[in-house]
Amino acid sequence: IPVVKALKRTRYQSPQASLTREARMSNLGGAFQFDKRYAGYFQRQPKHMITAIIDDVCTTCTTAELCARQLKIAGAKNIILLTVAKT
């Protein structure tokens, strides 16, 4: 299974644990960006290819949602979330 670190963090934000969903979205806004070194990567994939976002803990899925948006802009079609814990 190919592993591609196609997203990069553009800035670090304050801890998310005590924030509401709305505050998390605002706090994480612009924190992730598609790495331009992988431009065209998703366009070359077969249509049935699945792209997985891997996150250690998922509370409101804000991080995963923002990452998925960046991947969709880059051309990823089938995106799933794999997480270890759901709080």
Protein backbone atom coordinates (compact mmCIF):
# COMPACT_ATOMS: atom_id res chain seq x y z
CA ILE A 1 0.00 0.00 0.00
CA PRO A 2 1.59 3.30 -1.01
CA VAL A 3 1.86 5.88 1.76
CA VAL A 4 1.92 9.49 0.62
CA LYS A 5 2.10 12.39 3.04
CA ALA A 6 0.19 14.66 0.67
CA LEU A 7 -0.90 17.15 3.31
CA LYS A 8 1.34 19.41 5.30
CA ARG A 9 0.58 21.49 8.35
CA THR A 10 0.98 25.17 7.59
CA ARG A 11 0.68 26.29 11.20
CA TYR A 12 0.12 24.87 14.65
CA GLN A 13 -2.92 25.86 16.64
CA SER A 14 -3.99 25.80 20.26
CA PRO A 15 -5.23 22.46 21.71
CA GLN A 16 -8.62 21.35 20.42
CA ALA A 17 -9.83 19.25 23.38
CA SER A 18 -11.93 21.89 25.16
CA LEU A 19 -13.29 23.65 22.06
CA THR A 20 -16.75 23.43 20.49
CA ARG A 21 -17.10 22.19 16.91
CA GLU A 22 -17.44 25.76 15.61
CA ALA A 23 -14.35 26.90 17.55
CA ARG A 24 -12.41 23.87 16.26
CA MET A 25 -13.23 24.76 12.65
CA SER A 26 -12.08 28.32 13.22
CA ASN A 27 -8.98 27.19 15.12
CA LEU A 28 -7.93 24.78 12.35
CA GLY A 29 -8.85 27.00 9.40
CA GLY A 30 -5.92 27.05 6.98
CA ALA A 31 -3.82 24.72 9.14
CA PHE A 32 -3.50 22.05 6.41
CA GLN A 33 -2.46 22.40 2.80
CA PHE A 34 -1.92 19.97 -0.06
CA ASP A 35 1.79 19.49 -0.71
CA LYS A 36 2.42 20.75 -4.26
CA ARG A 37 5.10 18.09 -4.75
CA TYR A 38 2.18 15.69 -5.28
CA ALA A 39 0.38 17.81 -7.88
CA GLY A 40 -1.33 15.47 -10.32
CA TYR A 41 -0.95 12.44 -8.02
CA PHE A 42 -4.68 11.85 -7.56
CA GLN A 43 -5.52 12.46 -11.22
CA ARG A 44 -3.23 9.55 -12.16
CA GLN A 45 -4.94 7.12 -9.76
CA PRO A 46 -7.58 4.65 -10.94
CA LYS A 47 -11.14 5.75 -10.13
CA HIS A 48 -11.59 2.91 -7.64
CA MET A 49 -8.52 3.96 -5.58
CA ILE A 50 -9.27 4.80 -1.95
CA THR A 51 -7.44 7.57 -0.09
CA ALA A 52 -7.28 7.12 3.69
CA ILE A 53 -6.86 9.87 6.24
CA ILE A 54 -5.32 8.43 9.39
CA ASP A 55 -5.96 10.25 12.67
CA ASP A 56 -5.19 9.07 16.20
CA VAL A 57 -8.30 10.49 17.92
CA CYS A 58 -11.54 11.69 16.37
CA THR A 59 -13.85 13.83 18.48
CA THR A 60 -15.82 16.04 16.10
CA CYS A 61 -13.99 14.93 12.91
CA THR A 62 -13.00 18.55 12.26
CA THR A 63 -9.39 17.72 11.41
CA ALA A 64 -10.44 14.90 9.09
CA GLU A 65 -13.07 17.08 7.41
CA LEU A 66 -10.60 19.88 6.70
CA CYS A 67 -8.00 17.41 5.42
CA ALA A 68 -10.60 15.75 3.19
CA ARG A 69 -11.48 19.14 1.69
CA GLN A 70 -7.85 19.71 0.73
CA LEU A 71 -7.58 16.22 -0.76
CA LYS A 72 -10.77 16.73 -2.80
CA ILE A 73 -9.40 20.00 -4.17
CA ALA A 74 -6.29 18.03 -5.18
CA GLY A 75 -8.45 15.49 -7.03
CA ALA A 76 -8.91 12.61 -4.55
CA LYS A 77 -12.22 10.83 -5.15
CA ASN A 78 -12.83 8.12 -2.54
CA ILE A 79 -11.72 9.32 0.91
CA ILE A 80 -12.13 7.38 4.15
CA LEU A 81 -11.09 8.08 7.75
CA LEU A 82 -9.16 5.53 9.79
CA THR A 83 -8.93 6.39 13.49
CA VAL A 84 -7.82 4.65 16.66
CA ALA A 85 -10.24 6.29 19.10
CA LYS A 86 -13.57 8.12 18.88
CA THR A 87 -14.43 10.33 21.84
